[in-house]
Amino acid sequence: QRELVATITSRGSTNYADSVKGRFTISRDGAKNTLYLQ
């Protein structure tokens, strides 16, 4: 099934699945209207 990896709010608060914590980083660039997942 499809599963959550990470989320980010408009204020920049983040949430991660336990399986990716410490390895993945979600971020966003408002000027570029782009979301990232490192």
PDB file of all heavy atoms in Angstrom:
ATOM      1  N   GLN A   1       0.832  -1.195   0.000  1.00  0.00           N
ATOM      2  CA  GLN A   1       0.000   0.000   0.000  1.00  0.00           C
ATOM      3  C   GLN A   1       0.870   1.249   0.000  1.00  0.00           C
ATOM      4  O   GLN A   1       2.017   1.234   0.451  1.00  0.00           O
ATOM      5  CB  GLN A   1      -0.907  -0.003   1.240  1.00  0.00           C
ATOM      6  CG  GLN A   1      -2.005  -1.049   1.213  1.00  0.00           C
ATOM      7  CD  GLN A   1      -2.975  -0.890   2.369  1.00  0.00           C
ATOM      8  OE1 GLN A   1      -2.611  -0.403   3.437  1.00  0.00           O
ATOM      9  NE2 GLN A   1      -4.215  -1.295   2.159  1.00  0.00           N
ATOM     10  N   ARG A   2       0.292   2.321  -0.497  1.00  0.00           N
ATOM     11  CA  ARG A   2       0.979   3.609  -0.478  1.00  0.00           C
ATOM     12  C   ARG A   2       1.134   4.039   0.975  1.00  0.00           C
ATOM     13  O   ARG A   2       0.207   3.897   1.773  1.00  0.00           O
ATOM     14  CB  ARG A   2       0.186   4.635  -1.264  1.00  0.00           C
ATOM     15  CG  ARG A   2       0.941   5.898  -1.608  1.00  0.00           C
ATOM     16  CD  ARG A   2       0.163   6.741  -2.598  1.00  0.00           C
ATOM     17  NE  ARG A   2       0.018   6.084  -3.885  1.00  0.00           N
ATOM     18  CZ  ARG A   2      -0.476   6.686  -4.967  1.00  0.00           C
ATOM     19  NH1 ARG A   2      -0.877   7.943  -4.890  1.00  0.00           N
ATOM     20  NH2 ARG A   2      -0.585   6.031  -6.102  1.00  0.00           N
ATOM     21  N   GLU A   3       2.312   4.585   1.317  1.00  0.00           N
ATOM     22  CA  GLU A   3       2.569   4.978   2.693  1.00  0.00           C
ATOM     23  C   GLU A   3       3.173   6.371   2.766  1.00  0.00           C
ATOM     24  O   GLU A   3       3.863   6.824   1.850  1.00  0.00           O
ATOM     25  CB  GLU A   3       3.517   3.979   3.380  1.00  0.00           C
ATOM     26  CG  GLU A   3       4.887   3.893   2.772  1.00  0.00           C
ATOM     27  CD  GLU A   3       5.825   2.967   3.533  1.00  0.00           C
ATOM     28  OE1 GLU A   3       5.396   2.354   4.529  1.00  0.00           O
ATOM     29  OE2 GLU A   3       7.001   2.872   3.135  1.00  0.00           O
ATOM     30  N   LEU A   4       2.934   7.014   3.907  1.00  0.00           N
ATOM     31  CA  LEU A   4       3.486   8.337   4.147  1.00  0.00           C
ATOM     32  C   LEU A   4       4.991   8.241   4.352  1.00  0.00           C
ATOM     33  O   LEU A   4       5.472   7.342   5.063  1.00  0.00           O
ATOM     34  CB  LEU A   4       2.847   8.929   5.401  1.00  0.00           C
ATOM     35  CG  LEU A   4       3.459  10.216   5.945  1.00  0.00           C
ATOM     36  CD1 LEU A   4       3.137  11.373   5.017  1.00  0.00           C
ATOM     37  CD2 LEU A   4       2.974  10.498   7.350  1.00  0.00           C
ATOM     38  N   VAL A   5       5.718   9.170   3.751  1.00  0.00           N
ATOM     39  CA  VAL A   5       7.162   9.270   3.978  1.00  0.00           C
ATOM     40  C   VAL A   5       7.455  10.483   4.856  1.00  0.00           C
ATOM     41  O   VAL A   5       8.104  10.365   5.898  1.00  0.00           O
ATOM     42  CB  VAL A   5       7.930   9.388   2.651  1.00  0.00           C
ATOM     43  CG1 VAL A   5       9.422   9.582   2.917  1.00  0.00           C
ATOM     44  CG2 VAL A   5       7.693   8.164   1.775  1.00  0.00           C
ATOM     45  N   ALA A   6       6.981  11.648   4.447  1.00  0.00           N
ATOM     46  CA  ALA A   6       7.253  12.869   5.194  1.00  0.00           C
ATOM     47  C   ALA A   6       6.260  13.941   4.784  1.00  0.00           C
ATOM     48  O   ALA A   6       5.758  13.937   3.656  1.00  0.00           O
ATOM     49  CB  ALA A   6       8.680  13.355   4.927  1.00  0.00           C
ATOM     50  N   THR A   7       5.999  14.867   5.713  1.00  0.00           N
ATOM     51  CA  THR A   7       5.138  16.002   5.418  1.00  0.00           C
ATOM     52  C   THR A   7       5.765  17.277   5.948  1.00  0.00           C
ATOM     53  O   THR A   7       6.628  17.241   6.843  1.00  0.00           O
ATOM     54  CB  THR A   7       3.746  15.846   6.051  1.00  0.00           C
ATOM     55  OG1 THR A   7       3.894  15.725   7.469  1.00  0.00           O
ATOM     56  CG2 THR A   7       3.014  14.638   5.509  1.00  0.00           C
ATOM     57  N   ILE A   8       5.323  18.402   5.396  1.00  0.00           N
ATOM     58  CA  ILE A   8       5.797  19.697   5.845  1.00  0.00           C
ATOM     59  C   ILE A   8       4.634  20.678   5.790  1.00  0.00           C
ATOM     60  O   ILE A   8       3.871  20.687   4.828  1.00  0.00           O
ATOM     61  CB  ILE A   8       7.000  20.185   5.002  1.00  0.00           C
ATOM     62  CG1 ILE A   8       7.595  21.469   5.577  1.00  0.00           C
ATOM     63  CG2 ILE A   8       6.614  20.353   3.535  1.00  0.00           C
ATOM     64  CD1 ILE A   8       8.961  21.811   4.987  1.00  0.00           C
ATOM     65  N   THR A   9       4.496  21.482   6.854  1.00  0.00           N
ATOM     66  CA  THR A   9       3.416  22.458   6.899  1.00  0.00           C
ATOM     67  C   THR A   9       3.882  23.774   6.279  1.00  0.00           C
ATOM     68  O   THR A   9       5.055  23.946   5.943  1.00  0.00           O
ATOM     69  CB  THR A   9       2.976  22.716   8.346  1.00  0.00           C
ATOM     70  OG1 THR A   9       4.043  23.409   9.027  1.00  0.00           O
ATOM     71  CG2 THR A   9       2.677  21.417   9.075  1.00  0.00           C
ATOM     72  N   SER A  10       2.945  24.706   6.171  1.00  0.00           N
ATOM     73  CA  SER A  10       3.286  26.016   5.624  1.00  0.00           C
ATOM     74  C   SER A  10       4.280  26.745   6.530  1.00  0.00           C
ATOM     75  O   SER A  10       5.039  27.597   6.062  1.00  0.00           O
ATOM     76  CB  SER A  10       2.023  26.855   5.449  1.00  0.00           C
ATOM     77  OG  SER A  10       1.372  27.013   6.693  1.00  0.00           O
ATOM     78  N   ARG A  11       4.306  26.379   7.807  1.00  0.00           N
ATOM     79  CA  ARG A  11       5.239  27.017   8.741  1.00  0.00           C
ATOM     80  C   ARG A  11       6.567  26.283   8.817  1.00  0.00           C
ATOM     81  O   ARG A  11       7.453  26.684   9.564  1.00  0.00           O
ATOM     82  CB  ARG A  11       4.618  27.107  10.132  1.00  0.00           C
ATOM     83  CG  ARG A  11       3.398  27.989  10.188  1.00  0.00           C
ATOM     84  CD  ARG A  11       2.909  28.176  11.602  1.00  0.00           C
ATOM     85  NE  ARG A  11       1.781  29.111  11.684  1.00  0.00           N
ATOM     86  CZ  ARG A  11       1.248  29.542  12.812  1.00  0.00           C
ATOM     87  NH1 ARG A  11       1.728  29.121  13.972  1.00  0.00           N
ATOM     88  NH2 ARG A  11       0.227  30.375  12.787  1.00  0.00           N
ATOM     89  N   GLY A  12       6.685  25.193   8.077  1.00  0.00           N
ATOM     90  CA  GLY A  12       7.941  24.467   8.051  1.00  0.00           C
ATOM     91  C   GLY A  12       8.048  23.327   9.040  1.00  0.00           C
ATOM     92  O   GLY A  12       9.111  22.699   9.145  1.00  0.00           O
ATOM     93  N   SER A  13       6.984  23.036   9.763  1.00  0.00           N
ATOM     94  CA  SER A  13       7.008  21.886  10.670  1.00  0.00           C
ATOM     95  C   SER A  13       7.002  20.604   9.860  1.00  0.00           C
ATOM     96  O   SER A  13       6.262  20.490   8.874  1.00  0.00           O
ATOM     97  CB  SER A  13       5.794  21.908  11.598  1.00  0.00           C
ATOM     98  OG  SER A  13       5.826  23.047  12.433  1.00  0.00           O
ATOM     99  N   THR A  14       7.822  19.664  10.274  1.00  0.00           N
ATOM    100  CA  THR A  14       7.976  18.424   9.508  1.00  0.00           C
ATOM    101  C   THR A  14       7.575  17.200  10.328  1.00  0.00           C
ATOM    102  O   THR A  14       7.598  17.214  11.558  1.00  0.00           O
ATOM    103  CB  THR A  14       9.428  18.263   9.038  1.00  0.00           C
ATOM    104  OG1 THR A  14      10.294  18.265  10.184  1.00  0.00           O
ATOM    105  CG2 THR A  14       9.828  19.386   8.106  1.00  0.00           C
ATOM    106  N   ASN A  15       7.240  16.153   9.598  1.00  0.00           N
ATOM    107  CA  ASN A  15       6.866  14.886  10.213  1.00  0.00           C
ATOM    108  C   ASN A  15       7.392  13.777   9.312  1.00  0.00           C
ATOM    109  O   ASN A  15       7.332  13.904   8.079  1.00  0.00           O
ATOM    110  CB  ASN A  15       5.350  14.782  10.334  1.00  0.00           C
ATOM    111  CG  ASN A  15       4.925  13.471  10.972  1.00  0.00           C
ATOM    112  OD1 ASN A  15       5.347  13.144  12.071  1.00  0.00           O
ATOM    113  ND2 ASN A  15       4.101  12.698  10.283  1.00  0.00           N
ATOM    114  N   TYR A  16       7.930  12.716   9.922  1.00  0.00           N
ATOM    115  CA  TYR A  16       8.534  11.635   9.140  1.00  0.00           C
ATOM    116  C   TYR A  16       8.023  10.269   9.592  1.00  0.00           C
ATOM    117  O   TYR A  16       7.721  10.060  10.777  1.00  0.00           O
ATOM    118  CB  TYR A  16      10.058  11.647   9.314  1.00  0.00           C
ATOM    119  CG  TYR A  16      10.739  12.873   8.785  1.00  0.00           C
ATOM    120  CD1 TYR A  16      10.987  13.969   9.613  1.00  0.00           C
ATOM    121  CD2 TYR A  16      11.148  12.949   7.452  1.00  0.00           C
ATOM    122  CE1 TYR A  16      11.605  15.103   9.128  1.00  0.00           C
ATOM    123  CE2 TYR A  16      11.772  14.080   6.954  1.00  0.00           C
ATOM    124  CZ  TYR A  16      11.998  15.152   7.807  1.00  0.00           C
ATOM    125  OH  TYR A  16      12.616  16.278   7.317  1.00  0.00           O
ATOM    126  N   ALA A  17       7.971   9.362   8.649  1.00  0.00           N
ATOM    127  CA  ALA A  17       7.729   7.972   8.997  1.00  0.00           C
ATOM    128  C   ALA A  17       8.926   7.465   9.797  1.00  0.00           C
ATOM    129  O   ALA A  17      10.066   7.877   9.542  1.00  0.00           O
ATOM    130  CB  ALA A  17       7.548   7.135   7.737  1.00  0.00           C
ATOM    131  N   ASP A  18       8.671   6.573  10.736  1.00  0.00           N
ATOM    132  CA  ASP A  18       9.762   6.055  11.564  1.00  0.00           C
ATOM    133  C   ASP A  18      10.859   5.409  10.722  1.00  0.00           C
ATOM    134  O   ASP A  18      12.038   5.482  11.061  1.00  0.00           O
ATOM    135  CB  ASP A  18       9.214   5.029  12.572  1.00  0.00           C
ATOM    136  CG  ASP A  18       8.404   5.674  13.680  1.00  0.00           C
ATOM    137  OD1 ASP A  18       8.525   6.899  13.873  1.00  0.00           O
ATOM    138  OD2 ASP A  18       7.646   4.945  14.350  1.00  0.00           O
ATOM    139  N   SER A  19      10.464   4.804   9.621  1.00  0.00           N
ATOM    140  CA  SER A  19      11.420   4.072   8.792  1.00  0.00           C
ATOM    141  C   SER A  19      12.435   4.972   8.092  1.00  0.00           C
ATOM    142  O   SER A  19      13.467   4.489   7.620  1.00  0.00           O
ATOM    143  CB  SER A  19      10.680   3.235   7.755  1.00  0.00           C
ATOM    144  OG  SER A  19       9.877   4.062   6.936  1.00  0.00           O
ATOM    145  N   VAL A  20      12.151   6.286   8.022  1.00  0.00           N
ATOM    146  CA  VAL A  20      13.067   7.180   7.305  1.00  0.00           C
ATOM    147  C   VAL A  20      13.666   8.254   8.208  1.00  0.00           C
ATOM    148  O   VAL A  20      14.505   9.037   7.757  1.00  0.00           O
ATOM    149  CB  VAL A  20      12.368   7.845   6.100  1.00  0.00           C
ATOM    150  CG1 VAL A  20      11.745   6.786   5.191  1.00  0.00           C
ATOM    151  CG2 VAL A  20      11.339   8.867   6.534  1.00  0.00           C
ATOM    152  N   LYS A  21      13.249   8.302   9.460  1.00  0.00           N
ATOM    153  CA  LYS A  21      13.763   9.324  10.378  1.00  0.00           C
ATOM    154  C   LYS A  21      15.282   9.233  10.481  1.00  0.00           C
ATOM    155  O   LYS A  21      15.839   8.148  10.610  1.00  0.00           O
ATOM    156  CB  LYS A  21      13.140   9.153  11.761  1.00  0.00           C
ATOM    157  CG  LYS A  21      11.753   9.716  11.893  1.00  0.00           C
ATOM    158  CD  LYS A  21      11.211   9.529  13.311  1.00  0.00           C
ATOM    159  CE  LYS A  21       9.799  10.079  13.424  1.00  0.00           C
ATOM    160  NZ  LYS A  21       9.212   9.826  14.762  1.00  0.00           N
ATOM    161  N   GLY A  22      15.915  10.390  10.398  1.00  0.00           N
ATOM    162  CA  GLY A  22      17.362  10.435  10.489  1.00  0.00           C
ATOM    163  C   GLY A  22      18.067  10.204   9.162  1.00  0.00           C
ATOM    164  O   GLY A  22      19.275  10.403   9.060  1.00  0.00           O
ATOM    165  N   ARG A  23      17.321   9.768   8.153  1.00  0.00           N
ATOM    166  CA  ARG A  23      17.923   9.507   6.833  1.00  0.00           C
ATOM    167  C   ARG A  23      17.371  10.433   5.758  1.00  0.00           C
ATOM    168  O   ARG A  23      18.098  10.808   4.836  1.00  0.00           O
ATOM    169  CB  ARG A  23      17.679   8.065   6.413  1.00  0.00           C
ATOM    170  CG  ARG A  23      18.247   7.032   7.370  1.00  0.00           C
ATOM    171  CD  ARG A  23      18.146   5.622   6.780  1.00  0.00           C
ATOM    172  NE  ARG A  23      16.767   5.213   6.554  1.00  0.00           N
ATOM    173  CZ  ARG A  23      16.293   4.831   5.370  1.00  0.00           C
ATOM    174  NH1 ARG A  23      17.078   4.816   4.295  1.00  0.00           N
ATOM    175  NH2 ARG A  23      15.026   4.447   5.246  1.00  0.00           N
ATOM    176  N   PHE A  24      16.087  10.766   5.849  1.00  0.00           N
ATOM    177  CA  PHE A  24      15.440  11.614   4.844  1.00  0.00           C
ATOM    178  C   PHE A  24      15.156  12.986   5.439  1.00  0.00           C
ATOM    179  O   PHE A  24      14.870  13.118   6.638  1.00  0.00           O
ATOM    180  CB  PHE A  24      14.112  10.996   4.411  1.00  0.00           C
ATOM    181  CG  PHE A  24      14.225   9.736   3.598  1.00  0.00           C
ATOM    182  CD1 PHE A  24      15.428   9.059   3.452  1.00  0.00           C
ATOM    183  CD2 PHE A  24      13.101   9.234   2.960  1.00  0.00           C
ATOM    184  CE1 PHE A  24      15.522   7.891   2.696  1.00  0.00           C
ATOM    185  CE2 PHE A  24      13.175   8.074   2.198  1.00  0.00           C
ATOM    186  CZ  PHE A  24      14.376   7.404   2.080  1.00  0.00           C
ATOM    187  N   THR A  25      15.191  14.006   4.573  1.00  0.00           N
ATOM    188  CA  THR A  25      14.864  15.367   4.987  1.00  0.00           C
ATOM    189  C   THR A  25      13.943  15.998   3.954  1.00  0.00           C
ATOM    190  O   THR A  25      14.290  16.058   2.769  1.00  0.00           O
ATOM    191  CB  THR A  25      16.119  16.228   5.141  1.00  0.00           C
ATOM    192  OG1 THR A  25      17.012  15.619   6.088  1.00  0.00           O
ATOM    193  CG2 THR A  25      15.758  17.619   5.641  1.00  0.00           C
ATOM    194  N   ILE A  26      12.793  16.473   4.416  1.00  0.00           N
ATOM    195  CA  ILE A  26      11.862  17.176   3.542  1.00  0.00           C
ATOM    196  C   ILE A  26      12.080  18.675   3.705  1.00  0.00           C
ATOM    197  O   ILE A  26      12.320  19.160   4.808  1.00  0.00           O
ATOM    198  CB  ILE A  26      10.394  16.789   3.859  1.00  0.00           C
ATOM    199  CG1 ILE A  26       9.440  17.367   2.830  1.00  0.00           C
ATOM    200  CG2 ILE A  26      10.011  17.202   5.273  1.00  0.00           C
ATOM    201  CD1 ILE A  26       8.003  16.849   2.966  1.00  0.00           C
ATOM    202  N   SER A  27      12.015  19.396   2.592  1.00  0.00           N
ATOM    203  CA  SER A  27      12.199  20.838   2.645  1.00  0.00           C
ATOM    204  C   SER A  27      11.461  21.457   1.464  1.00  0.00           C
ATOM    205  O   SER A  27      11.014  20.757   0.558  1.00  0.00           O
ATOM    206  CB  SER A  27      13.682  21.214   2.614  1.00  0.00           C
ATOM    207  OG  SER A  27      14.284  20.790   1.405  1.00  0.00           O
ATOM    208  N   ARG A  28      11.341  22.775   1.519  1.00  0.00           N
ATOM    209  CA  ARG A  28      10.643  23.457   0.434  1.00  0.00           C
ATOM    210  C   ARG A  28      11.313  24.796   0.155  1.00  0.00           C
ATOM    211  O   ARG A  28      11.900  25.404   1.040  1.00  0.00           O
ATOM    212  CB  ARG A  28       9.162  23.628   0.782  1.00  0.00           C
ATOM    213  CG  ARG A  28       8.888  24.575   1.937  1.00  0.00           C
ATOM    214  CD  ARG A  28       7.521  24.338   2.569  1.00  0.00           C
ATOM    215  NE  ARG A  28       6.436  24.370   1.599  1.00  0.00           N
ATOM    216  CZ  ARG A  28       5.184  24.032   1.880  1.00  0.00           C
ATOM    217  NH1 ARG A  28       4.866  23.648   3.112  1.00  0.00           N
ATOM    218  NH2 ARG A  28       4.255  24.082   0.956  1.00  0.00           N
ATOM    219  N   ASP A  29      11.225  25.213  -1.101  1.00  0.00           N
ATOM    220  CA  ASP A  29      11.739  26.511  -1.535  1.00  0.00           C
ATOM    221  C   ASP A  29      10.550  27.293  -2.086  1.00  0.00           C
ATOM    222  O   ASP A  29      10.094  27.021  -3.191  1.00  0.00           O
ATOM    223  CB  ASP A  29      12.824  26.318  -2.589  1.00  0.00           C
ATOM    224  CG  ASP A  29      13.488  27.630  -2.993  1.00  0.00           C
ATOM    225  OD1 ASP A  29      12.832  28.693  -2.909  1.00  0.00           O
ATOM    226  OD2 ASP A  29      14.655  27.584  -3.408  1.00  0.00           O
ATOM    227  N   GLY A  30      10.057  28.244  -1.305  1.00  0.00           N
ATOM    228  CA  GLY A  30       8.887  28.994  -1.709  1.00  0.00           C
ATOM    229  C   GLY A  30       9.114  29.808  -2.967  1.00  0.00           C
ATOM    230  O   GLY A  30       8.225  29.939  -3.810  1.00  0.00           O
ATOM    231  N   ALA A  31      10.308  30.342  -3.110  1.00  0.00           N
ATOM    232  CA  ALA A  31      10.601  31.177  -4.275  1.00  0.00           C
ATOM    233  C   ALA A  31      10.539  30.357  -5.563  1.00  0.00           C
ATOM    234  O   ALA A  31      10.176  30.868  -6.623  1.00  0.00           O
ATOM    235  CB  ALA A  31      11.969  31.820  -4.124  1.00  0.00           C
ATOM    236  N   LYS A  32      10.914  29.079  -5.464  1.00  0.00           N
ATOM    237  CA  LYS A  32      10.904  28.202  -6.640  1.00  0.00           C
ATOM    238  C   LYS A  32       9.632  27.365  -6.716  1.00  0.00           C
ATOM    239  O   LYS A  32       9.456  26.597  -7.654  1.00  0.00           O
ATOM    240  CB  LYS A  32      12.120  27.282  -6.616  1.00  0.00           C
ATOM    241  CG  LYS A  32      13.449  28.025  -6.742  1.00  0.00           C
ATOM    242  CD  LYS A  32      14.615  27.050  -6.779  1.00  0.00           C
ATOM    243  CE  LYS A  32      15.933  27.788  -6.951  1.00  0.00           C
ATOM    244  NZ  LYS A  32      17.089  26.865  -6.996  1.00  0.00           N
ATOM    245  N   ASN A  33       8.765  27.500  -5.698  1.00  0.00           N
ATOM    246  CA  ASN A  33       7.533  26.701  -5.659  1.00  0.00           C
ATOM    247  C   ASN A  33       7.846  25.209  -5.779  1.00  0.00           C
ATOM    248  O   ASN A  33       7.182  24.474  -6.523  1.00  0.00           O
ATOM    249  CB  ASN A  33       6.583  27.126  -6.777  1.00  0.00           C
ATOM    250  CG  ASN A  33       5.167  27.320  -6.277  1.00  0.00           C
ATOM    251  OD1 ASN A  33       4.916  27.447  -5.085  1.00  0.00           O
ATOM    252  ND2 ASN A  33       4.212  27.339  -7.206  1.00  0.00           N
ATOM    253  N   THR A  34       8.863  24.785  -5.053  1.00  0.00           N
ATOM    254  CA  THR A  34       9.363  23.422  -5.192  1.00  0.00           C
ATOM    255  C   THR A  34       9.535  22.754  -3.835  1.00  0.00           C
ATOM    256  O   THR A  34       9.981  23.390  -2.878  1.00  0.00           O
ATOM    257  CB  THR A  34      10.714  23.409  -5.933  1.00  0.00           C
ATOM    258  OG1 THR A  34      10.534  23.986  -7.238  1.00  0.00           O
ATOM    259  CG2 THR A  34      11.254  21.995  -6.102  1.00  0.00           C
ATOM    260  N   LEU A  35       9.162  21.486  -3.792  1.00  0.00           N
ATOM    261  CA  LEU A  35       9.328  20.650  -2.605  1.00  0.00           C
ATOM    262  C   LEU A  35      10.465  19.677  -2.872  1.00  0.00           C
ATOM    263  O   LEU A  35      10.636  19.223  -4.004  1.00  0.00           O
ATOM    264  CB  LEU A  35       8.044  19.867  -2.345  1.00  0.00           C
ATOM    265  CG  LEU A  35       8.010  18.924  -1.147  1.00  0.00           C
ATOM    266  CD1 LEU A  35       7.952  19.712   0.157  1.00  0.00           C
ATOM    267  CD2 LEU A  35       6.826  17.972  -1.251  1.00  0.00           C
ATOM    268  N   TYR A  36      11.236  19.365  -1.843  1.00  0.00           N
ATOM    269  CA  TYR A  36      12.361  18.450  -1.981  1.00  0.00           C
ATOM    270  C   TYR A  36      12.282  17.307  -0.970  1.00  0.00           C
ATOM    271  O   TYR A  36      11.652  17.426   0.082  1.00  0.00           O
ATOM    272  CB  TYR A  36      13.687  19.194  -1.761  1.00  0.00           C
ATOM    273  CG  TYR A  36      13.924  20.336  -2.689  1.00  0.00           C
ATOM    274  CD1 TYR A  36      13.692  21.648  -2.288  1.00  0.00           C
ATOM    275  CD2 TYR A  36      14.374  20.119  -3.994  1.00  0.00           C
ATOM    276  CE1 TYR A  36      13.902  22.707  -3.141  1.00  0.00           C
ATOM    277  CE2 TYR A  36      14.585  21.173  -4.858  1.00  0.00           C
ATOM    278  CZ  TYR A  36      14.354  22.464  -4.429  1.00  0.00           C
ATOM    279  OH  TYR A  36      14.563  23.513  -5.294  1.00  0.00           O
ATOM    280  N   LEU A  37      12.946  16.221  -1.321  1.00  0.00           N
ATOM    281  CA  LEU A  37      13.154  15.134  -0.368  1.00  0.00           C
ATOM    282  C   LEU A  37      14.591  14.663  -0.546  1.00  0.00           C
ATOM    283  O   LEU A  37      14.926  14.049  -1.553  1.00  0.00           O
ATOM    284  CB  LEU A  37      12.185  13.975  -0.591  1.00  0.00           C
ATOM    285  CG  LEU A  37      12.288  12.850   0.446  1.00  0.00           C
ATOM    286  CD1 LEU A  37      11.801  13.336   1.818  1.00  0.00           C
ATOM    287  CD2 LEU A  37      11.480  11.621   0.011  1.00  0.00           C
ATOM    288  N   GLN A  38      15.438  14.989   0.418  1.00  0.00           N
ATOM    289  CA  GLN A  38      16.812  14.513   0.419  1.00  0.00           C
ATOM    290  C   GLN A  38      16.836  13.151   1.095  1.00  0.00           C
ATOM    291  O   GLN A  38      16.427  13.015   2.246  1.00  0.00           O
ATOM    292  CB  GLN A  38      17.721  15.485   1.169  1.00  0.00           C
ATOM    293  CG  GLN A  38      19.166  15.029   1.263  1.00  0.00           C
ATOM    294  CD  GLN A  38      19.853  14.999  -0.086  1.00  0.00           C
ATOM    295  OE1 GLN A  38      19.703  15.926  -0.890  1.00  0.00           O
ATOM    296  NE2 GLN A  38      20.606  13.945  -0.354  1.00  0.00           N
TER     297      GLN A  38
END
